Structures are given as structure tokens and as C-alpha cells.
Amino acid sequence: MSDYQELSDDQWLRLKPYLPFGSTGKRGRNANNRLFINALLWMACSGGRWRDLPLRYGKYDSIKRRYYLWVEAGVLDALFEALRVHGDQEWLMMDATIVRAHAQAAGARHKKGGLMPMHWGVQKAA
């Protein structure tokens, strides 16, 4: 995956206050949240299955279990809401993969032989 990037230090510092527990790399309440978030980003960018998750993120079944626990606990909803409210939109962009337009919107010619809609003010002669 060429366009996947893990969280930068700056991005991590901005996310960290919204996440539960620690970031020491230990199990349980001190589990490494940064590694977990990077695993979720890998999943989102790759479209892969849980079993495809690279080992550098840990055991896929542990990450999958933790993901579903966070979903049930509302952690991810709270994170997305915080990012929506306090988000940095410096890199926000929208392109044709998000919003599709008809070719005519870009000035393409209409197909010949088709009837034009009446609201365009053009009527066929009788």
C-alpha cells in the first residue's frame, strides 16, 4: 500500500487526549493506543481482512477484539466527534471520487436524439 502512513508524532499528540488508558505498550489498561490506532488506519486504507494485518501491530485477533470493545464502549464515536469539533481541516479536500458530476456539467455535448427536458425552455415542434 503506497499511500498509507502511520500517525506522525504531531497527529498522535492531538489524538492521545481523546483515547482511553495508556500508551506504554503493555497489556490491559496500559495497552499501546498508538499502535492500535495505526493498525486501524492500516485496515481502513488497505481494505484488508483482520487476518491480513501485519504482525508489527500485534495479534490480529487481539486487535479485532479491542476494536469491537471500543465500538461497544463508544470510544470511536467520541473520538470522531472530538475530531469533527476540533478538527484541523488543513488537508481537507474533495475530488471527483467523492462527488460525481455528469459529463454535461463539465461542458460535454448532450447526446443527439434524446428529448430535452421541458424545464430547459426548449420544446419539440409538432
N, C-alpha and C. Protein backbone atom coordinates (compact mmCIF):
# COMPACT_ATOMS: atom_id res chain seq x y z
N MET A 1 0.83 -1.16 0.00
CA MET A 1 0.00 0.00 0.00
C MET A 1 0.89 1.24 0.00
N SER A 2 0.88 1.97 -1.05
CA SER A 2 1.83 3.07 -1.18
C SER A 2 1.37 4.35 -0.48
N ASP A 3 0.07 4.56 -0.30
CA ASP A 3 -0.38 5.83 0.26
C ASP A 3 -0.69 5.76 1.75
N TYR A 4 -0.36 4.65 2.40
CA TYR A 4 -0.61 4.51 3.83
C TYR A 4 0.54 5.11 4.63
N GLN A 5 0.18 5.89 5.63
CA GLN A 5 1.19 6.46 6.54
C GLN A 5 0.70 6.28 7.96
N GLU A 6 1.62 5.92 8.84
CA GLU A 6 1.27 5.81 10.25
C GLU A 6 1.18 7.22 10.84
N LEU A 7 0.59 7.30 12.04
CA LEU A 7 0.44 8.58 12.70
C LEU A 7 1.79 9.25 12.93
N SER A 8 1.87 10.52 12.60
CA SER A 8 3.07 11.29 12.93
C SER A 8 3.02 11.63 14.42
N ASP A 9 4.13 12.10 14.96
CA ASP A 9 4.17 12.47 16.38
C ASP A 9 3.15 13.57 16.68
N ASP A 10 3.03 14.53 15.78
CA ASP A 10 2.08 15.63 15.97
C ASP A 10 0.64 15.12 15.96
N GLN A 11 0.32 14.24 15.02
CA GLN A 11 -1.03 13.68 14.95
C GLN A 11 -1.34 12.87 16.21
N TRP A 12 -0.36 12.09 16.67
CA TRP A 12 -0.56 11.29 17.86
C TRP A 12 -0.82 12.17 19.08
N LEU A 13 -0.07 13.24 19.23
CA LEU A 13 -0.26 14.13 20.37
C LEU A 13 -1.65 14.76 20.38
N ARG A 14 -2.20 15.00 19.20
CA ARG A 14 -3.54 15.57 19.10
C ARG A 14 -4.63 14.55 19.42
N LEU A 15 -4.40 13.27 19.09
CA LEU A 15 -5.39 12.23 19.32
C LEU A 15 -5.36 11.70 20.76
N LYS A 16 -4.19 11.64 21.33
CA LYS A 16 -3.96 10.98 22.61
C LYS A 16 -4.93 11.38 23.72
N PRO A 17 -5.26 12.66 23.89
CA PRO A 17 -6.16 13.02 24.99
C PRO A 17 -7.57 12.44 24.87
N TYR A 18 -7.98 12.05 23.68
CA TYR A 18 -9.33 11.55 23.45
C TYR A 18 -9.43 10.03 23.59
N LEU A 19 -8.31 9.37 23.83
CA LEU A 19 -8.29 7.91 23.90
C LEU A 19 -8.18 7.43 25.34
N PRO A 20 -8.81 6.30 25.63
CA PRO A 20 -8.74 5.78 27.00
C PRO A 20 -7.41 5.10 27.27
N PHE A 21 -7.06 5.05 28.52
CA PHE A 21 -5.93 4.28 29.02
C PHE A 21 -4.59 4.84 28.56
N GLY A 22 -3.57 3.99 28.56
CA GLY A 22 -2.21 4.46 28.39
C GLY A 22 -1.62 4.28 27.01
N SER A 23 -0.31 4.42 26.96
CA SER A 23 0.40 4.27 25.68
C SER A 23 1.77 3.68 25.92
N THR A 24 1.90 2.82 26.95
CA THR A 24 3.21 2.30 27.31
C THR A 24 3.59 1.04 26.55
N GLY A 25 2.64 0.42 25.86
CA GLY A 25 2.94 -0.80 25.12
C GLY A 25 2.70 -2.05 25.95
N LYS A 26 2.13 -1.90 27.14
CA LYS A 26 1.82 -3.05 27.99
C LYS A 26 0.38 -3.48 27.77
N ARG A 27 0.05 -4.63 28.32
CA ARG A 27 -1.30 -5.16 28.17
C ARG A 27 -2.29 -4.42 29.06
N GLY A 28 -3.56 -4.62 28.77
CA GLY A 28 -4.62 -4.09 29.61
C GLY A 28 -4.76 -2.58 29.52
N ARG A 29 -4.91 -1.95 30.69
CA ARG A 29 -5.18 -0.51 30.73
C ARG A 29 -4.03 0.32 30.16
N ASN A 30 -2.83 -0.27 30.06
CA ASN A 30 -1.69 0.47 29.53
C ASN A 30 -1.32 0.03 28.12
N ALA A 31 -2.26 -0.57 27.42
CA ALA A 31 -2.00 -1.03 26.06
C ALA A 31 -1.61 0.14 25.16
N ASN A 32 -0.83 -0.15 24.16
CA ASN A 32 -0.32 0.88 23.27
C ASN A 32 -1.41 1.36 22.31
N ASN A 33 -2.03 2.47 22.64
CA ASN A 33 -3.10 3.02 21.80
C ASN A 33 -2.59 3.48 20.45
N ARG A 34 -1.38 4.00 20.39
CA ARG A 34 -0.85 4.49 19.12
C ARG A 34 -0.70 3.34 18.13
N LEU A 35 -0.17 2.22 18.59
CA LEU A 35 -0.02 1.06 17.72
C LEU A 35 -1.39 0.56 17.27
N PHE A 36 -2.35 0.58 18.19
CA PHE A 36 -3.71 0.14 17.87
C PHE A 36 -4.35 1.05 16.82
N ILE A 37 -4.24 2.35 16.99
CA ILE A 37 -4.80 3.29 16.01
C ILE A 37 -4.11 3.12 14.66
N ASN A 38 -2.80 2.91 14.66
CA ASN A 38 -2.10 2.66 13.40
C ASN A 38 -2.61 1.39 12.73
N ALA A 39 -2.93 0.37 13.53
CA ALA A 39 -3.50 -0.86 12.97
C ALA A 39 -4.86 -0.58 12.33
N LEU A 40 -5.68 0.24 13.00
CA LEU A 40 -6.99 0.58 12.43
C LEU A 40 -6.83 1.39 11.14
N LEU A 41 -5.85 2.28 11.11
CA LEU A 41 -5.60 3.04 9.89
C LEU A 41 -5.15 2.13 8.77
N TRP A 42 -4.31 1.15 9.10
CA TRP A 42 -3.87 0.19 8.08
C TRP A 42 -5.08 -0.55 7.53
N MET A 43 -5.96 -0.98 8.42
CA MET A 43 -7.16 -1.71 7.98
C MET A 43 -8.02 -0.83 7.07
N ALA A 44 -8.22 0.42 7.46
CA ALA A 44 -9.07 1.32 6.67
C ALA A 44 -8.47 1.61 5.30
N CYS A 45 -7.16 1.80 5.26
CA CYS A 45 -6.51 2.14 3.98
C CYS A 45 -6.34 0.94 3.07
N SER A 46 -6.12 -0.23 3.65
CA SER A 46 -5.85 -1.41 2.83
C SER A 46 -7.12 -2.11 2.37
N GLY A 47 -8.17 -2.00 3.18
CA GLY A 47 -9.37 -2.77 2.87
C GLY A 47 -9.17 -4.25 3.14
N GLY A 48 -8.10 -4.58 3.84
CA GLY A 48 -7.78 -5.98 4.11
C GLY A 48 -8.65 -6.57 5.21
N ARG A 49 -8.51 -7.87 5.39
CA ARG A 49 -9.21 -8.57 6.45
C ARG A 49 -8.38 -8.48 7.73
N TRP A 50 -9.00 -8.79 8.86
CA TRP A 50 -8.26 -8.77 10.12
C TRP A 50 -7.05 -9.69 10.04
N ARG A 51 -7.22 -10.84 9.42
CA ARG A 51 -6.11 -11.81 9.33
C ARG A 51 -4.94 -11.29 8.49
N ASP A 52 -5.18 -10.29 7.66
CA ASP A 52 -4.14 -9.73 6.81
C ASP A 52 -3.29 -8.69 7.53
N LEU A 53 -3.68 -8.32 8.73
CA LEU A 53 -2.98 -7.28 9.49
C LEU A 53 -1.53 -7.68 9.73
N PRO A 54 -0.57 -6.81 9.39
CA PRO A 54 0.85 -7.15 9.61
C PRO A 54 1.14 -7.42 11.09
N LEU A 55 2.04 -8.33 11.34
CA LEU A 55 2.38 -8.72 12.71
C LEU A 55 2.96 -7.59 13.54
N ARG A 56 3.49 -6.56 12.90
CA ARG A 56 4.08 -5.45 13.67
C ARG A 56 3.04 -4.76 14.55
N TYR A 57 1.75 -4.94 14.25
CA TYR A 57 0.70 -4.33 15.04
C TYR A 57 0.23 -5.23 16.19
N GLY A 58 0.66 -6.46 16.19
CA GLY A 58 0.25 -7.41 17.22
C GLY A 58 -0.63 -8.49 16.62
N LYS A 59 -1.18 -9.30 17.51
CA LYS A 59 -2.05 -10.40 17.06
C LYS A 59 -3.37 -9.83 16.55
N TYR A 60 -3.74 -10.25 15.36
CA TYR A 60 -4.93 -9.68 14.73
C TYR A 60 -6.18 -9.92 15.56
N ASP A 61 -6.28 -11.08 16.22
CA ASP A 61 -7.49 -11.37 16.99
C ASP A 61 -7.59 -10.46 18.23
N SER A 62 -6.46 -10.08 18.80
CA SER A 62 -6.48 -9.16 19.94
C SER A 62 -6.89 -7.76 19.49
N ILE A 63 -6.41 -7.35 18.34
CA ILE A 63 -6.75 -6.03 17.80
C ILE A 63 -8.22 -5.99 17.40
N LYS A 64 -8.68 -7.06 16.80
CA LYS A 64 -10.09 -7.15 16.41
C LYS A 64 -10.99 -7.09 17.65
N ARG A 65 -10.65 -7.84 18.69
CA ARG A 65 -11.43 -7.84 19.93
C ARG A 65 -11.46 -6.44 20.54
N ARG A 66 -10.29 -5.80 20.57
CA ARG A 66 -10.21 -4.45 21.14
C ARG A 66 -11.04 -3.45 20.33
N TYR A 67 -11.00 -3.58 19.01
CA TYR A 67 -11.79 -2.72 18.14
C TYR A 67 -13.28 -2.81 18.50
N TYR A 68 -13.78 -4.04 18.60
CA TYR A 68 -15.21 -4.21 18.91
C TYR A 68 -15.55 -3.74 20.32
N LEU A 69 -14.63 -3.89 21.27
CA LEU A 69 -14.84 -3.35 22.61
C LEU A 69 -14.94 -1.83 22.58
N TRP A 70 -14.08 -1.20 21.80
CA TRP A 70 -14.10 0.26 21.68
C TRP A 70 -15.38 0.73 21.00
N VAL A 71 -15.83 -0.03 20.00
CA VAL A 71 -17.08 0.34 19.32
C VAL A 71 -18.24 0.26 20.31
N GLU A 72 -18.32 -0.84 21.07
CA GLU A 72 -19.40 -1.00 22.04
C GLU A 72 -19.36 0.07 23.14
N ALA A 73 -18.16 0.45 23.54
CA ALA A 73 -18.00 1.45 24.60
C ALA A 73 -18.18 2.87 24.10
N GLY A 74 -18.30 3.07 22.79
CA GLY A 74 -18.48 4.39 22.22
C GLY A 74 -17.21 5.21 22.12
N VAL A 75 -16.05 4.56 22.28
CA VAL A 75 -14.77 5.28 22.23
C VAL A 75 -14.55 5.89 20.86
N LEU A 76 -14.79 5.10 19.81
CA LEU A 76 -14.54 5.62 18.46
C LEU A 76 -15.53 6.72 18.09
N ASP A 77 -16.79 6.58 18.51
CA ASP A 77 -17.76 7.65 18.25
C ASP A 77 -17.32 8.95 18.93
N ALA A 78 -16.86 8.84 20.17
CA ALA A 78 -16.39 10.03 20.90
C ALA A 78 -15.16 10.63 20.22
N LEU A 79 -14.28 9.78 19.74
CA LEU A 79 -13.08 10.25 19.04
C LEU A 79 -13.47 10.99 17.76
N PHE A 80 -14.36 10.41 16.97
CA PHE A 80 -14.77 11.05 15.72
C PHE A 80 -15.48 12.38 15.99
N GLU A 81 -16.29 12.42 17.04
CA GLU A 81 -16.97 13.66 17.39
C GLU A 81 -15.97 14.73 17.80
N ALA A 82 -14.97 14.34 18.61
CA ALA A 82 -13.93 15.31 19.02
C ALA A 82 -13.15 15.81 17.82
N LEU A 83 -12.86 14.92 16.90
CA LEU A 83 -12.13 15.34 15.70
C LEU A 83 -12.98 16.23 14.81
N ARG A 84 -14.28 15.97 14.79
CA ARG A 84 -15.17 16.81 13.99
C ARG A 84 -15.22 18.22 14.57
N VAL A 85 -15.32 18.32 15.88
CA VAL A 85 -15.43 19.62 16.53
C VAL A 85 -14.09 20.36 16.53
N HIS A 86 -13.01 19.65 16.81
CA HIS A 86 -11.70 20.28 16.96
C HIS A 86 -10.76 19.94 15.79
N GLY A 87 -11.32 19.53 14.69
CA GLY A 87 -10.50 19.05 13.58
C GLY A 87 -9.71 20.14 12.88
N ASP A 88 -8.56 19.75 12.40
CA ASP A 88 -7.72 20.62 11.58
C ASP A 88 -8.05 20.28 10.14
N GLN A 89 -8.63 21.21 9.43
CA GLN A 89 -9.07 20.93 8.07
C GLN A 89 -8.07 21.43 7.03
N GLU A 90 -6.82 21.52 7.43
CA GLU A 90 -5.78 21.99 6.52
C GLU A 90 -5.66 21.08 5.30
N TRP A 91 -5.87 19.78 5.50
CA TRP A 91 -5.68 18.83 4.41
C TRP A 91 -6.99 18.34 3.83
N LEU A 92 -8.10 18.97 4.19
CA LEU A 92 -9.40 18.56 3.68
C LEU A 92 -9.49 18.86 2.19
N MET A 93 -9.96 17.87 1.45
CA MET A 93 -10.16 18.11 0.02
C MET A 93 -11.28 17.21 -0.48
N MET A 94 -11.84 17.62 -1.58
CA MET A 94 -12.91 16.86 -2.18
C MET A 94 -12.60 16.78 -3.67
N ASP A 95 -12.75 15.60 -4.23
CA ASP A 95 -12.49 15.46 -5.66
C ASP A 95 -13.59 14.60 -6.30
N ALA A 96 -13.40 14.24 -7.54
CA ALA A 96 -14.43 13.52 -8.29
C ALA A 96 -14.68 12.12 -7.76
N THR A 97 -13.80 11.60 -6.93
CA THR A 97 -14.08 10.28 -6.36
C THR A 97 -15.10 10.39 -5.25
N ILE A 98 -15.34 11.59 -4.74
CA ILE A 98 -16.29 11.79 -3.66
C ILE A 98 -17.61 12.32 -4.21
N VAL A 99 -17.54 13.31 -5.10
CA VAL A 99 -18.73 13.92 -5.68
C VAL A 99 -18.68 13.73 -7.19
N ARG A 100 -19.61 12.99 -7.69
CA ARG A 100 -19.66 12.72 -9.12
C ARG A 100 -20.55 13.75 -9.82
N ALA A 101 -20.15 14.13 -11.02
CA ALA A 101 -20.95 15.05 -11.82
C ALA A 101 -21.15 14.43 -13.20
N HIS A 102 -22.26 14.77 -13.83
CA HIS A 102 -22.49 14.31 -15.20
C HIS A 102 -21.49 14.98 -16.13
N ALA A 103 -21.20 14.33 -17.23
CA ALA A 103 -20.27 14.89 -18.20
C ALA A 103 -20.75 16.25 -18.71
N GLN A 104 -22.08 16.44 -18.80
CA GLN A 104 -22.61 17.70 -19.28
C GLN A 104 -22.29 18.85 -18.32
N ALA A 105 -22.07 18.54 -17.07
CA ALA A 105 -21.73 19.58 -16.10
C ALA A 105 -20.36 20.19 -16.41
N ALA A 106 -19.54 19.45 -17.13
CA ALA A 106 -18.21 19.95 -17.49
C ALA A 106 -18.20 20.49 -18.92
N GLY A 107 -19.39 20.63 -19.53
CA GLY A 107 -19.47 21.22 -20.86
C GLY A 107 -19.55 20.21 -22.00
N ALA A 108 -19.71 18.94 -21.70
CA ALA A 108 -19.82 17.93 -22.75
C ALA A 108 -21.14 18.12 -23.50
N ARG A 109 -21.14 17.73 -24.75
CA ARG A 109 -22.35 17.86 -25.57
C ARG A 109 -23.38 16.83 -25.14
N HIS A 110 -24.63 17.20 -25.27
CA HIS A 110 -25.72 16.27 -24.97
C HIS A 110 -25.82 15.26 -26.10
N LYS A 111 -26.29 14.07 -25.78
CA LYS A 111 -26.46 13.05 -26.81
C LYS A 111 -27.54 13.47 -27.78
N LYS A 112 -27.31 13.20 -29.06
CA LYS A 112 -28.30 13.52 -30.08
C LYS A 112 -29.43 12.51 -30.04
N GLY A 113 -30.60 12.98 -30.37
CA GLY A 113 -31.75 12.08 -30.47
C GLY A 113 -32.57 12.01 -29.21
N GLY A 114 -32.01 12.42 -28.12
CA GLY A 114 -32.76 12.39 -26.87
C GLY A 114 -33.63 13.62 -26.73
N LEU A 115 -34.69 13.50 -26.00
CA LEU A 115 -35.54 14.64 -25.75
C LEU A 115 -34.95 15.49 -24.65
N MET A 116 -35.00 16.78 -24.83
CA MET A 116 -34.52 17.68 -23.80
C MET A 116 -35.63 17.88 -22.79
N PRO A 117 -35.33 18.00 -21.54
CA PRO A 117 -36.36 18.24 -20.54
C PRO A 117 -37.11 19.55 -20.82
N MET A 118 -38.39 19.56 -20.51
CA MET A 118 -39.23 20.71 -20.79
C MET A 118 -38.79 21.94 -19.98
N HIS A 119 -38.22 21.74 -18.82
CA HIS A 119 -37.86 22.90 -18.00
C HIS A 119 -36.67 23.65 -18.55
N TRP A 120 -36.05 23.15 -19.63
CA TRP A 120 -34.97 23.88 -20.26
C TRP A 120 -35.50 24.97 -21.20
N GLY A 121 -36.81 25.00 -21.40
CA GLY A 121 -37.40 26.03 -22.24
C GLY A 121 -37.37 25.68 -23.73
N VAL A 122 -37.03 24.46 -24.06
CA VAL A 122 -36.97 24.06 -25.46
C VAL A 122 -38.05 23.00 -25.68
N GLN A 123 -38.93 23.24 -26.66
CA GLN A 123 -39.97 22.27 -26.95
C GLN A 123 -39.81 21.79 -28.36
N LYS A 124 -40.15 20.51 -28.58
CA LYS A 124 -40.09 19.95 -29.93
C LYS A 124 -41.25 20.50 -30.75
N ALA A 125 -40.95 20.81 -32.00
CA ALA A 125 -42.00 21.30 -32.89
C ALA A 125 -42.98 20.17 -33.23
N ALA A 126 -44.26 20.52 -33.36
CA ALA A 126 -45.28 19.50 -33.64
C ALA A 126 -45.37 19.19 -35.09
